[in-house]
C-alpha atoms as a PDB file:
ATOM      1  CA  UNK A   1     -48.249   5.277 -17.117  1.00  0.00           C
ATOM      2  CA  UNK A   2     -45.868   3.791 -19.427  1.00  0.00           C
ATOM      3  CA  UNK A   3     -42.142   4.999 -19.580  1.00  0.00           C
ATOM      4  CA  UNK A   4     -41.217   7.663 -22.084  1.00  0.00           C
ATOM      5  CA  UNK A   5     -37.940   9.664 -22.991  1.00  0.00           C
ATOM      6  CA  UNK A   6     -37.747  13.530 -22.728  1.00  0.00           C
ATOM      7  CA  UNK A   7     -35.788  16.121 -24.485  1.00  0.00           C
ATOM      8  CA  UNK A   8     -35.466  19.860 -24.045  1.00  0.00           C
ATOM      9  CA  UNK A   9     -34.151  21.326 -27.445  1.00  0.00           C
ATOM     10  CA  UNK A  10     -33.478  25.087 -27.516  1.00  0.00           C
ATOM     11  CA  UNK A  11     -34.152  25.594 -31.253  1.00  0.00           C
ATOM     12  CA  UNK A  12     -37.726  25.402 -32.898  1.00  0.00           C
ATOM     13  CA  UNK A  13     -36.549  23.577 -36.001  1.00  0.00           C
ATOM     14  CA  UNK A  14     -34.686  20.809 -33.658  1.00  0.00           C
ATOM     15  CA  UNK A  15     -38.107  20.483 -31.807  1.00  0.00           C
ATOM     16  CA  UNK A  16     -40.015  20.004 -34.791  1.00  0.00           C
ATOM     17  CA  UNK A  17     -37.588  17.523 -36.277  1.00  0.00           C
ATOM     18  CA  UNK A  18     -37.776  15.363 -33.418  1.00  0.00           C
ATOM     19  CA  UNK A  19     -41.773  15.037 -33.698  1.00  0.00           C
ATOM     20  CA  UNK A  20     -41.533  15.002 -37.646  1.00  0.00           C
ATOM     21  CA  UNK A  21     -39.230  12.006 -37.516  1.00  0.00           C
ATOM     22  CA  UNK A  22     -42.003   9.907 -35.611  1.00  0.00           C
ATOM     23  CA  UNK A  23     -45.272  11.099 -36.811  1.00  0.00           C
ATOM     24  CA  UNK A  24     -48.525   9.713 -35.365  1.00  0.00           C
ATOM     25  CA  UNK A  25     -51.705  11.065 -34.003  1.00  0.00           C
ATOM     26  CA  UNK A  26     -52.953   8.349 -31.556  1.00  0.00           C
ATOM     27  CA  UNK A  27     -51.471   5.589 -29.768  1.00  0.00           C
ATOM     28  CA  UNK A  28     -47.802   5.677 -29.101  1.00  0.00           C
ATOM     29  CA  UNK A  29     -46.386   9.082 -30.326  1.00  0.00           C
ATOM     30  CA  UNK A  30     -43.931  11.842 -29.852  1.00  0.00           C
ATOM     31  CA  UNK A  31     -45.563  14.859 -28.569  1.00  0.00           C
ATOM     32  CA  UNK A  32     -44.677  18.595 -27.614  1.00  0.00           C
ATOM     33  CA  UNK A  33     -45.280  19.455 -24.064  1.00  0.00           C
ATOM     34  CA  UNK A  34     -45.330  22.979 -22.393  1.00  0.00           C
ATOM     35  CA  UNK A  35     -47.261  23.116 -19.110  1.00  0.00           C
ATOM     36  CA  UNK A  36     -48.523  19.566 -19.417  1.00  0.00           C
ATOM     37  CA  UNK A  37     -51.595  20.185 -17.261  1.00  0.00           C
ATOM     38  CA  UNK A  38     -53.894  18.169 -19.541  1.00  0.00           C
ATOM     39  CA  UNK A  39     -51.447  15.923 -21.463  1.00  0.00           C
ATOM     40  CA  UNK A  40     -49.897  14.487 -18.242  1.00  0.00           C
ATOM     41  CA  UNK A  41     -53.361  13.761 -16.757  1.00  0.00           C
ATOM     42  CA  UNK A  42     -54.255  11.908 -19.876  1.00  0.00           C
ATOM     43  CA  UNK A  43     -51.027   9.756 -19.748  1.00  0.00           C
ATOM     44  CA  UNK A  44     -51.508   8.860 -16.252  1.00  0.00           C
ATOM     45  CA  UNK A  45     -55.096   7.752 -16.950  1.00  0.00           C
ATOM     46  CA  UNK A  46     -53.956   5.655 -19.890  1.00  0.00           C
ATOM     47  CA  UNK A  47     -56.060   7.590 -22.349  1.00  0.00           C
ATOM     48  CA  UNK A  48     -53.045   8.674 -24.323  1.00  0.00           C
ATOM     49  CA  UNK A  49     -49.522   7.323 -24.683  1.00  0.00           C
ATOM     50  CA  UNK A  50     -46.188   8.965 -25.664  1.00  0.00           C
ATOM     51  CA  UNK A  51     -42.962   7.340 -26.465  1.00  0.00           C
ATOM     52  CA  UNK A  52     -41.359  10.668 -26.085  1.00  0.00           C
ATOM     53  CA  UNK A  53     -41.949  14.143 -25.017  1.00  0.00           C
ATOM     54  CA  UNK A  54     -40.289  17.209 -26.374  1.00  0.00           C
ATOM     55  CA  UNK A  55     -40.367  20.061 -24.065  1.00  0.00           C
ATOM     56  CA  UNK A  56     -40.604  23.391 -25.772  1.00  0.00           C
ATOM     57  CA  UNK A  57     -40.185  25.689 -22.758  1.00  0.00           C
ATOM     58  CA  UNK A  58     -36.774  26.624 -23.732  1.00  0.00           C
ATOM     59  CA  UNK A  59     -37.980  28.093 -27.113  1.00  0.00           C
ATOM     60  CA  UNK A  60     -38.424  31.706 -27.285  1.00  0.00           C
ATOM     61  CA  UNK A  61     -42.204  31.447 -27.474  1.00  0.00           C
ATOM     62  CA  UNK A  62     -43.248  33.087 -24.329  1.00  0.00           C
ATOM     63  CA  UNK A  63     -43.675  36.695 -25.415  1.00  0.00           C
ATOM     64  CA  UNK A  64     -46.782  38.854 -25.315  1.00  0.00           C
ATOM     65  CA  UNK A  65     -46.344  41.895 -27.459  1.00  0.00           C
ATOM     66  CA  UNK A  66     -47.926  44.276 -29.956  1.00  0.00           C
ATOM     67  CA  UNK A  67     -48.500  43.330 -33.513  1.00  0.00           C
ATOM     68  CA  UNK A  68     -47.810  45.599 -36.540  1.00  0.00           C
ATOM     69  CA  UNK A  69     -51.341  46.032 -37.321  1.00  0.00           C
ATOM     70  CA  UNK A  70     -52.275  47.205 -33.731  1.00  0.00           C
ATOM     71  CA  UNK A  71     -53.332  43.857 -32.628  1.00  0.00           C
ATOM     72  CA  UNK A  72     -51.406  41.417 -30.032  1.00  0.00           C
ATOM     73  CA  UNK A  73     -49.256  38.530 -30.429  1.00  0.00           C
ATOM     74  CA  UNK A  74     -49.684  35.826 -27.645  1.00  0.00           C
ATOM     75  CA  UNK A  75     -46.706  33.528 -27.492  1.00  0.00           C
ATOM     76  CA  UNK A  76     -47.495  29.877 -27.321  1.00  0.00           C
ATOM     77  CA  UNK A  77     -45.736  29.081 -24.175  1.00  0.00           C
ATOM     78  CA  UNK A  78     -46.779  32.197 -22.447  1.00  0.00           C
ATOM     79  CA  UNK A  79     -48.741  31.084 -19.295  1.00  0.00           C
ATOM     80  CA  UNK A  80     -52.493  31.642 -19.139  1.00  0.00           C
ATOM     81  CA  UNK A  81     -51.977  33.729 -15.869  1.00  0.00           C
ATOM     82  CA  UNK A  82     -49.528  36.004 -17.328  1.00  0.00           C
ATOM     83  CA  UNK A  83     -51.570  36.426 -20.437  1.00  0.00           C
ATOM     84  CA  UNK A  84     -54.821  37.235 -18.364  1.00  0.00           C
ATOM     85  CA  UNK A  85     -52.952  39.768 -16.267  1.00  0.00           C
ATOM     86  CA  UNK A  86     -50.986  41.418 -18.993  1.00  0.00           C
ATOM     87  CA  UNK A  87     -51.615  45.285 -19.180  1.00  0.00           C
ATOM     88  CA  UNK A  88     -52.390  45.155 -22.907  1.00  0.00           C
ATOM     89  CA  UNK A  89     -54.735  42.066 -22.723  1.00  0.00           C
ATOM     90  CA  UNK A  90     -56.660  43.767 -19.917  1.00  0.00           C
ATOM     91  CA  UNK A  91     -57.015  47.210 -21.649  1.00  0.00           C
ATOM     92  CA  UNK A  92     -57.744  45.995 -25.126  1.00  0.00           C
ATOM     93  CA  UNK A  93     -59.125  42.568 -24.875  1.00  0.00           C
ATOM     94  CA  UNK A  94     -60.903  42.294 -21.446  1.00  0.00           C
ATOM     95  CA  UNK A  95     -63.133  39.555 -22.890  1.00  0.00           C
ATOM     96  CA  UNK A  96     -60.216  37.372 -23.077  1.00  0.00           C
ATOM     97  CA  UNK A  97     -58.921  38.243 -19.804  1.00  0.00           C
ATOM     98  CA  UNK A  98     -62.117  37.484 -18.252  1.00  0.00           C
ATOM     99  CA  UNK A  99     -62.375  34.244 -20.098  1.00  0.00           C
ATOM    100  CA  UNK A 100     -58.920  33.004 -18.841  1.00  0.00           C
ATOM    101  CA  UNK A 101     -59.629  33.828 -15.293  1.00  0.00           C
ATOM    102  CA  UNK A 102     -63.061  31.986 -15.452  1.00  0.00           C
ATOM    103  CA  UNK A 103     -61.224  28.548 -16.167  1.00  0.00           C
ATOM    104  CA  UNK A 104     -59.330  26.071 -14.062  1.00  0.00           C
ATOM    105  CA  UNK A 105     -57.672  27.239 -10.709  1.00  0.00           C
ATOM    106  CA  UNK A 106     -54.847  29.815 -10.144  1.00  0.00           C
ATOM    107  CA  UNK A 107     -52.349  26.973  -9.810  1.00  0.00           C
ATOM    108  CA  UNK A 108     -53.261  25.505 -13.175  1.00  0.00           C
ATOM    109  CA  UNK A 109     -53.310  28.906 -14.970  1.00  0.00           C
ATOM    110  CA  UNK A 110     -49.811  29.517 -13.610  1.00  0.00           C
ATOM    111  CA  UNK A 111     -48.707  26.380 -15.451  1.00  0.00           C
ATOM    112  CA  UNK A 112     -50.961  26.002 -18.611  1.00  0.00           C
ATOM    113  CA  UNK A 113     -49.624  27.575 -21.711  1.00  0.00           C
ATOM    114  CA  UNK A 114     -51.596  29.526 -24.372  1.00  0.00           C
ATOM    115  CA  UNK A 115     -50.923  26.889 -27.098  1.00  0.00           C
ATOM    116  CA  UNK A 116     -51.727  24.165 -24.917  1.00  0.00           C
ATOM    117  CA  UNK A 117     -54.999  25.735 -24.056  1.00  0.00           C
ATOM    118  CA  UNK A 118     -56.006  25.305 -27.651  1.00  0.00           C
ATOM    119  CA  UNK A 119     -55.125  21.627 -27.649  1.00  0.00           C
ATOM    120  CA  UNK A 120     -56.997  20.660 -24.525  1.00  0.00           C
ATOM    121  CA  UNK A 121     -58.928  17.489 -25.069  1.00  0.00           C
ATOM    122  CA  UNK A 122     -62.492  16.787 -24.099  1.00  0.00           C
ATOM    123  CA  UNK A 123     -63.787  16.205 -20.403  1.00  0.00           C
ATOM    124  CA  UNK A 124     -66.330  13.760 -21.628  1.00  0.00           C
ATOM    125  CA  UNK A 125     -66.589  11.052 -18.949  1.00  0.00           C
ATOM    126  CA  UNK A 126     -66.437   8.312 -21.613  1.00  0.00           C
ATOM    127  CA  UNK A 127     -63.220   9.614 -22.975  1.00  0.00           C
ATOM    128  CA  UNK A 128     -61.531   9.541 -19.836  1.00  0.00           C
ATOM    129  CA  UNK A 129     -62.954   5.980 -18.773  1.00  0.00           C
ATOM    130  CA  UNK A 130     -60.827   3.551 -20.730  1.00  0.00           C
ATOM    131  CA  UNK A 131     -63.334   0.713 -19.932  1.00  0.00           C
ATOM    132  CA  UNK A 132     -65.971   2.235 -21.938  1.00  0.00           C
ATOM    133  CA  UNK A 133     -66.056   2.589 -25.829  1.00  0.00           C
ATOM    134  CA  UNK A 134     -65.025   5.920 -27.308  1.00  0.00           C
ATOM    135  CA  UNK A 135     -64.533   6.913 -30.936  1.00  0.00           C
ATOM    136  CA  UNK A 136     -62.477   9.911 -29.875  1.00  0.00           C
ATOM    137  CA  UNK A 137     -60.150   7.849 -27.865  1.00  0.00           C
ATOM    138  CA  UNK A 138     -60.294   4.681 -29.991  1.00  0.00           C
ATOM    139  CA  UNK A 139     -61.816   5.220 -33.401  1.00  0.00           C
ATOM    140  CA  UNK A 140     -64.616   2.792 -34.525  1.00  0.00           C
ATOM    141  CA  UNK A 141     -65.307   1.357 -30.948  1.00  0.00           C
ATOM    142  CA  UNK A 142     -68.752   3.384 -30.583  1.00  0.00           C
ATOM    143  CA  UNK A 143     -69.792   6.284 -28.499  1.00  0.00           C
ATOM    144  CA  UNK A 144     -70.524   5.502 -24.939  1.00  0.00           C
ATOM    145  CA  UNK A 145     -72.054   8.783 -24.229  1.00  0.00           C
ATOM    146  CA  UNK A 146     -74.751   8.406 -26.613  1.00  0.00           C
ATOM    147  CA  UNK A 147     -77.651   6.911 -24.594  1.00  0.00           C
ATOM    148  CA  UNK A 148     -75.605   7.383 -21.441  1.00  0.00           C
ATOM    149  CA  UNK A 149     -75.245  10.238 -18.943  1.00  0.00           C
ATOM    150  CA  UNK A 150     -75.117  13.265 -21.087  1.00  0.00           C
ATOM    151  CA  UNK A 151     -75.425  16.226 -18.825  1.00  0.00           C
ATOM    152  CA  UNK A 152     -72.012  17.922 -20.202  1.00  0.00           C
ATOM    153  CA  UNK A 153     -72.529  17.029 -23.812  1.00  0.00           C
ATOM    154  CA  UNK A 154     -73.182  18.696 -27.181  1.00  0.00           C
ATOM    155  CA  UNK A 155     -76.412  20.357 -28.219  1.00  0.00           C
ATOM    156  CA  UNK A 156     -74.947  21.533 -31.559  1.00  0.00           C
ATOM    157  CA  UNK A 157     -72.683  20.285 -34.084  1.00  0.00           C
ATOM    158  CA  UNK A 158     -72.732  16.748 -32.761  1.00  0.00           C
ATOM    159  CA  UNK A 159     -72.534  13.471 -34.956  1.00  0.00           C
ATOM    160  CA  UNK A 160     -73.595   9.831 -34.507  1.00  0.00           C
ATOM    161  CA  UNK A 161     -70.025   9.103 -33.820  1.00  0.00           C
ATOM    162  CA  UNK A 162     -69.288  11.768 -30.973  1.00  0.00           C
ATOM    163  CA  UNK A 163     -71.264  14.143 -28.836  1.00  0.00           C
ATOM    164  CA  UNK A 164     -68.404  15.662 -26.889  1.00  0.00           C
ATOM    165  CA  UNK A 165     -67.812  19.276 -26.137  1.00  0.00           C
ATOM    166  CA  UNK A 166     -64.590  21.521 -26.115  1.00  0.00           C
ATOM    167  CA  UNK A 167     -63.538  22.330 -22.634  1.00  0.00           C
ATOM    168  CA  UNK A 168     -61.657  25.562 -23.043  1.00  0.00           C
ATOM    169  CA  UNK A 169     -62.779  29.071 -21.898  1.00  0.00           C
ATOM    170  CA  UNK A 170     -60.120  30.871 -23.479  1.00  0.00           C
ATOM    171  CA  UNK A 171     -60.814  29.437 -26.943  1.00  0.00           C
ATOM    172  CA  UNK A 172     -64.321  30.782 -26.635  1.00  0.00           C
ATOM    173  CA  UNK A 173     -63.045  34.183 -26.293  1.00  0.00           C
ATOM    174  CA  UNK A 174     -60.456  33.776 -29.062  1.00  0.00           C
ATOM    175  CA  UNK A 175     -63.174  32.718 -31.521  1.00  0.00           C
ATOM    176  CA  UNK A 176     -65.241  35.792 -30.781  1.00  0.00           C
ATOM    177  CA  UNK A 177     -62.134  37.947 -31.245  1.00  0.00           C
ATOM    178  CA  UNK A 178     -61.455  36.221 -34.453  1.00  0.00           C
ATOM    179  CA  UNK A 179     -57.789  35.277 -33.675  1.00  0.00           C
ATOM    180  CA  UNK A 180     -55.329  33.703 -35.936  1.00  0.00           C
ATOM    181  CA  UNK A 181     -53.087  30.653 -34.837  1.00  0.00           C
ATOM    182  CA  UNK A 182     -49.790  30.611 -36.319  1.00  0.00           C
ATOM    183  CA  UNK A 183     -47.956  27.244 -36.673  1.00  0.00           C
ATOM    184  CA  UNK A 184     -44.544  25.807 -37.994  1.00  0.00           C
ATOM    185  CA  UNK A 185     -43.386  22.433 -39.282  1.00  0.00           C
ATOM    186  CA  UNK A 186     -40.569  21.131 -41.507  1.00  0.00           C
ATOM    187  CA  UNK A 187     -42.636  22.143 -44.463  1.00  0.00           C
ATOM    188  CA  UNK A 188     -42.843  25.888 -43.347  1.00  0.00           C
ATOM    189  CA  UNK A 189     -45.219  28.237 -41.614  1.00  0.00           C
ATOM    190  CA  UNK A 190     -48.843  28.648 -41.918  1.00  0.00           C
ATOM    191  CA  UNK A 191     -51.718  30.944 -40.302  1.00  0.00           C
ATOM    192  CA  UNK A 192     -55.057  29.356 -39.338  1.00  0.00           C
ATOM    193  CA  UNK A 193     -58.008  31.482 -38.884  1.00  0.00           C
ATOM    194  CA  UNK A 194     -59.563  30.478 -35.297  1.00  0.00           C
ATOM    195  CA  UNK A 195     -62.856  29.508 -36.898  1.00  0.00           C
ATOM    196  CA  UNK A 196     -60.994  26.813 -38.862  1.00  0.00           C
ATOM    197  CA  UNK A 197     -58.708  25.489 -36.333  1.00  0.00           C
ATOM    198  CA  UNK A 198     -60.952  23.327 -34.372  1.00  0.00           C
ATOM    199  CA  UNK A 199     -63.101  20.524 -35.904  1.00  0.00           C
ATOM    200  CA  UNK A 200     -66.582  19.287 -35.589  1.00  0.00           C
ATOM    201  CA  UNK A 201     -66.580  15.379 -34.964  1.00  0.00           C
ATOM    202  CA  UNK A 202     -68.124  14.156 -38.103  1.00  0.00           C
ATOM    203  CA  UNK A 203     -66.929  10.886 -38.909  1.00  0.00           C
ATOM    204  CA  UNK A 204     -63.526  11.394 -37.311  1.00  0.00           C
ATOM    205  CA  UNK A 205     -63.842  12.596 -33.805  1.00  0.00           C
ATOM    206  CA  UNK A 206     -60.366  11.422 -32.986  1.00  0.00           C
ATOM    207  CA  UNK A 207     -59.231  14.700 -34.564  1.00  0.00           C
ATOM    208  CA  UNK A 208     -59.895  17.746 -32.487  1.00  0.00           C
ATOM    209  CA  UNK A 209     -58.229  20.322 -34.829  1.00  0.00           C
ATOM    210  CA  UNK A 210     -56.547  20.678 -38.232  1.00  0.00           C
ATOM    211  CA  UNK A 211     -53.037  20.381 -37.112  1.00  0.00           C
ATOM    212  CA  UNK A 212     -50.597  17.981 -38.606  1.00  0.00           C
ATOM    213  CA  UNK A 213     -48.735  15.816 -36.163  1.00  0.00           C
ATOM    214  CA  UNK A 214     -45.497  17.721 -36.430  1.00  0.00           C
ATOM    215  CA  UNK A 215     -46.900  21.332 -36.434  1.00  0.00           C
ATOM    216  CA  UNK A 216     -45.849  23.384 -33.480  1.00  0.00           C
ATOM    217  CA  UNK A 217     -48.078  26.458 -32.436  1.00  0.00           C
ATOM    218  CA  UNK A 218     -45.864  29.410 -32.246  1.00  0.00           C
ATOM    219  CA  UNK A 219     -48.185  32.244 -31.334  1.00  0.00           C
ATOM    220  CA  UNK A 220     -51.807  33.316 -31.469  1.00  0.00           C
ATOM    221  CA  UNK A 221     -52.463  36.609 -33.300  1.00  0.00           C
ATOM    222  CA  UNK A 222     -55.226  38.892 -32.099  1.00  0.00           C
ATOM    223  CA  UNK A 223     -56.625  41.552 -34.533  1.00  0.00           C
ATOM    224  CA  UNK A 224     -57.143  45.121 -33.299  1.00  0.00           C
ATOM    225  CA  UNK A 225     -60.262  44.943 -31.241  1.00  0.00           C
ATOM    226  CA  UNK A 226     -60.319  48.069 -29.142  1.00  0.00           C
ATOM    227  CA  UNK A 227     -63.696  48.807 -30.569  1.00  0.00           C
ATOM    228  CA  UNK A 228     -64.972  45.989 -28.468  1.00  0.00           C
ATOM    229  CA  UNK A 229     -63.233  46.874 -25.108  1.00  0.00           C
ATOM    230  CA  UNK A 230     -66.077  48.912 -23.878  1.00  0.00           C
ATOM    231  CA  UNK A 231     -68.887  46.465 -24.400  1.00  0.00           C
ATOM    232  CA  UNK A 232     -67.930  42.769 -23.802  1.00  0.00           C
ATOM    233  CA  UNK A 233     -68.830  40.088 -21.441  1.00  0.00           C
ATOM    234  CA  UNK A 234     -67.858  36.543 -20.813  1.00  0.00           C
ATOM    235  CA  UNK A 235     -70.520  34.522 -18.986  1.00  0.00           C
ATOM    236  CA  UNK A 236     -69.859  31.064 -17.679  1.00  0.00           C
ATOM    237  CA  UNK A 237     -72.616  28.832 -16.318  1.00  0.00           C
ATOM    238  CA  UNK A 238     -71.476  25.846 -14.421  1.00  0.00           C
ATOM    239  CA  UNK A 239     -72.058  23.390 -11.692  1.00  0.00           C
ATOM    240  CA  UNK A 240     -70.111  25.273  -8.907  1.00  0.00           C
ATOM    241  CA  UNK A 241     -68.384  28.592  -8.715  1.00  0.00           C
ATOM    242  CA  UNK A 242     -64.865  27.528  -9.367  1.00  0.00           C
ATOM    243  CA  UNK A 243     -62.809  24.885 -11.017  1.00  0.00           C
ATOM    244  CA  UNK A 244     -65.616  23.424 -13.111  1.00  0.00           C
ATOM    245  CA  UNK A 245     -66.189  23.109 -16.846  1.00  0.00           C
ATOM    246  CA  UNK A 246     -68.819  25.108 -18.514  1.00  0.00           C
ATOM    247  CA  UNK A 247     -72.288  23.862 -18.974  1.00  0.00           C
ATOM    248  CA  UNK A 248     -72.753  26.784 -21.112  1.00  0.00           C
ATOM    249  CA  UNK A 249     -70.440  29.981 -21.810  1.00  0.00           C
ATOM    250  CA  UNK A 250     -70.895  33.080 -23.744  1.00  0.00           C
ATOM    251  CA  UNK A 251     -68.274  35.432 -25.133  1.00  0.00           C
ATOM    252  CA  UNK A 252     -70.057  38.605 -26.274  1.00  0.00           C
ATOM    253  CA  UNK A 253     -68.277  41.589 -27.777  1.00  0.00           C
ATOM    254  CA  UNK A 254     -70.289  44.628 -29.088  1.00  0.00           C
ATOM    255  CA  UNK A 255     -69.345  47.829 -30.956  1.00  0.00           C
ATOM    256  CA  UNK A 256     -71.872  50.407 -30.048  1.00  0.00           C
ATOM    257  CA  UNK A 257     -72.127  53.941 -31.442  1.00  0.00           C
ATOM    258  CA  UNK A 258     -72.967  57.026 -29.506  1.00  0.00           C
ATOM    259  CA  UNK A 259     -76.633  56.671 -30.770  1.00  0.00           C
ATOM    260  CA  UNK A 260     -76.906  53.070 -29.168  1.00  0.00           C
ATOM    261  CA  UNK A 261     -77.085  51.214 -32.431  1.00  0.00           C
ATOM    262  CA  UNK A 262     -74.769  48.344 -32.643  1.00  0.00           C
ATOM    263  CA  UNK A 263     -72.072  48.777 -35.290  1.00  0.00           C
ATOM    264  CA  UNK A 264     -70.709  45.208 -35.203  1.00  0.00           C
ATOM    265  CA  UNK A 265     -71.106  42.150 -32.960  1.00  0.00           C
ATOM    266  CA  UNK A 266     -69.113  39.052 -32.116  1.00  0.00           C
ATOM    267  CA  UNK A 267     -70.474  35.994 -30.062  1.00  0.00           C
ATOM    268  CA  UNK A 268     -69.198  32.709 -29.340  1.00  0.00           C
ATOM    269  CA  UNK A 269     -70.532  29.749 -27.214  1.00  0.00           C
ATOM    270  CA  UNK A 270     -68.814  27.387 -25.052  1.00  0.00           C
ATOM    271  CA  UNK A 271     -69.902  23.950 -23.606  1.00  0.00           C
ATOM    272  CA  UNK A 272     -72.341  23.247 -26.301  1.00  0.00           C
ATOM    273  CA  UNK A 273     -70.290  21.796 -29.306  1.00  0.00           C
ATOM    274  CA  UNK A 274     -67.100  20.202 -30.279  1.00  0.00           C
ATOM    275  CA  UNK A 275     -65.459  23.517 -30.843  1.00  0.00           C
ATOM    276  CA  UNK A 276     -66.406  27.107 -29.917  1.00  0.00           C
ATOM    277  CA  UNK A 277     -69.693  27.844 -31.573  1.00  0.00           C
ATOM    278  CA  UNK A 278     -70.148  31.065 -33.816  1.00  0.00           C
ATOM    279  CA  UNK A 279     -72.682  31.841 -36.448  1.00  0.00           C
ATOM    280  CA  UNK A 280     -72.010  35.228 -38.185  1.00  0.00           C
ATOM    281  CA  UNK A 281     -75.609  35.064 -39.606  1.00  0.00           C
ATOM    282  CA  UNK A 282     -76.664  35.439 -36.140  1.00  0.00           C
ATOM    283  CA  UNK A 283     -74.212  38.241 -35.160  1.00  0.00           C
ATOM    284  CA  UNK A 284     -75.500  40.223 -38.320  1.00  0.00           C
ATOM    285  CA  UNK A 285     -79.055  40.463 -36.854  1.00  0.00           C
ATOM    286  CA  UNK A 286     -77.641  42.869 -34.228  1.00  0.00           C
ATOM    287  CA  UNK A 287     -75.573  44.961 -36.527  1.00  0.00           C
ATOM    288  CA  UNK A 288     -77.421  48.261 -37.451  1.00  0.00           C
ATOM    289  CA  UNK A 289     -79.904  47.622 -34.670  1.00  0.00           C
ATOM    290  CA  UNK A 290     -80.642  48.662 -31.140  1.00  0.00           C
ATOM    291  CA  UNK A 291     -80.014  46.032 -28.693  1.00  0.00           C
ATOM    292  CA  UNK A 292     -83.375  45.637 -27.205  1.00  0.00           C
ATOM    293  CA  UNK A 293     -84.849  42.668 -25.484  1.00  0.00           C
ATOM    294  CA  UNK A 294     -86.652  41.376 -28.641  1.00  0.00           C
ATOM    295  CA  UNK A 295     -83.683  41.652 -30.739  1.00  0.00           C
ATOM    296  CA  UNK A 296     -81.377  39.853 -28.178  1.00  0.00           C
ATOM    297  CA  UNK A 297     -83.788  36.921 -28.142  1.00  0.00           C
ATOM    298  CA  UNK A 298     -83.901  36.644 -31.907  1.00  0.00           C
ATOM    299  CA  UNK A 299     -80.032  36.463 -31.827  1.00  0.00           C
ATOM    300  CA  UNK A 300     -80.201  33.797 -29.297  1.00  0.00           C
ATOM    301  CA  UNK A 301     -82.516  31.788 -31.126  1.00  0.00           C
ATOM    302  CA  UNK A 302     -80.623  32.170 -34.325  1.00  0.00           C
ATOM    303  CA  UNK A 303     -77.224  31.082 -32.620  1.00  0.00           C
ATOM    304  CA  UNK A 304     -79.196  27.885 -31.293  1.00  0.00           C
ATOM    305  CA  UNK A 305     -81.004  27.004 -34.459  1.00  0.00           C
ATOM    306  CA  UNK A 306     -80.894  23.208 -34.933  1.00  0.00           C
ATOM    307  CA  UNK A 307     -79.901  22.566 -31.448  1.00  0.00           C
ATOM    308  CA  UNK A 308     -80.739  19.098 -30.108  1.00  0.00           C
ATOM    309  CA  UNK A 309     -80.435  17.526 -26.619  1.00  0.00           C
ATOM    310  CA  UNK A 310     -79.487  14.017 -25.803  1.00  0.00           C
ATOM    311  CA  UNK A 311     -81.812  13.643 -22.825  1.00  0.00           C
ATOM    312  CA  UNK A 312     -79.827  14.429 -19.706  1.00  0.00           C
ATOM    313  CA  UNK A 313     -78.760  17.747 -21.422  1.00  0.00           C
ATOM    314  CA  UNK A 314     -82.042  18.948 -22.793  1.00  0.00           C
ATOM    315  CA  UNK A 315     -82.176  21.631 -20.408  1.00  0.00           C
ATOM    316  CA  UNK A 316     -78.892  23.199 -21.903  1.00  0.00           C
ATOM    317  CA  UNK A 317     -80.949  24.542 -24.739  1.00  0.00           C
ATOM    318  CA  UNK A 318     -83.018  26.797 -22.644  1.00  0.00           C
ATOM    319  CA  UNK A 319     -80.042  27.449 -20.413  1.00  0.00           C
ATOM    320  CA  UNK A 320     -77.970  28.384 -23.344  1.00  0.00           C
ATOM    321  CA  UNK A 321     -80.893  30.932 -24.746  1.00  0.00           C
ATOM    322  CA  UNK A 322     -81.044  32.712 -21.429  1.00  0.00           C
ATOM    323  CA  UNK A 323     -77.244  32.851 -21.082  1.00  0.00           C
ATOM    324  CA  UNK A 324     -76.817  34.533 -24.520  1.00  0.00           C
ATOM    325  CA  UNK A 325     -79.402  37.093 -23.718  1.00  0.00           C
ATOM    326  CA  UNK A 326     -77.955  37.808 -20.233  1.00  0.00           C
ATOM    327  CA  UNK A 327     -74.261  38.124 -21.634  1.00  0.00           C
ATOM    328  CA  UNK A 328     -75.381  40.416 -24.438  1.00  0.00           C
ATOM    329  CA  UNK A 329     -77.339  42.654 -21.804  1.00  0.00           C
ATOM    330  CA  UNK A 330     -74.330  42.822 -19.757  1.00  0.00           C
ATOM    331  CA  UNK A 331     -72.015  43.847 -22.851  1.00  0.00           C
ATOM    332  CA  UNK A 332     -74.610  46.534 -23.704  1.00  0.00           C
ATOM    333  CA  UNK A 333     -74.155  48.075 -20.196  1.00  0.00           C
ATOM    334  CA  UNK A 334     -70.539  47.985 -20.409  1.00  0.00           C
ATOM    335  CA  UNK A 335     -67.568  45.763 -19.834  1.00  0.00           C
ATOM    336  CA  UNK A 336     -66.870  44.709 -16.266  1.00  0.00           C
ATOM    337  CA  UNK A 337     -63.160  44.196 -15.656  1.00  0.00           C
ATOM    338  CA  UNK A 338     -61.616  41.452 -13.494  1.00  0.00           C
ATOM    339  CA  UNK A 339     -61.290  44.140 -10.727  1.00  0.00           C
ATOM    340  CA  UNK A 340     -64.983  44.699 -10.648  1.00  0.00           C
ATOM    341  CA  UNK A 341     -64.553  48.064 -12.492  1.00  0.00           C
ATOM    342  CA  UNK A 342     -67.096  48.826 -15.412  1.00  0.00           C
ATOM    343  CA  UNK A 343     -66.044  50.470 -18.699  1.00  0.00           C
ATOM    344  CA  UNK A 344     -69.122  52.437 -19.778  1.00  0.00           C
END
């Protein structure tokens, strides 16, 4: 790992200015750091370099509090563990709590920040192996994964430039809950709908999201989603029980009336694309209908329309279809909390 300098500003504008004065996306750069659970690994492996790290942990960005609209504001530097176990998250957003606790390990969740979770980079083997070509790590060098070992790779939204998948569990739940990412830079503040935050690879897979180099995530806003609290499920299919990234994951949230009819539905997939995958037109198939087996299979087929395997990961299409149906069946029965209790 190359040498770098380090600063700990106590003011957000000062932190932003330090990065804005040295804008760069790839190669040597000045970067924000909070928990560092992904960035430091990438620096140690030589995948990313930084001339300077700007520590934002002294900034007042670690609060979790109610929003004016009945939603919740998640501070960017609040730790994943604190978020998952927060009483309001567990009560109103059990889907988010379950997703966070399905990821990483307790030690990592104690360090990883909410903002950093959004900025995780892919765990593609070829991205991490600096001896292989990778358009995400070094643009225009080729994609070593295409034609290679693709068990973990994308079946949706891929391009000829990149077939990597996004690794976060938390982001799958945030996509389903329709969160908004709030950022700040020297140009001011802006709010980014979660569906627009992450990118598909297209011709520029080196860009994971729509952030400018000097933009700092300040908080994540969750809308009031209490209507989904009683019928949600996060299902993660992985190679082993813990500390493994998803082959396929499903975040499902349903609002079901007393007559058993679905009033609204939100579904997001992880482990299948370069970003959390949602298709509102698939969700619409459930709205106004009873969630019987045939309807759930129709929803799964709609979500996976256009899915294409890369050889080693062909199995993920069938796996994803079964996982979607299973997650929806679980959500219909009632949310299972992290303590094993069921809200029904």
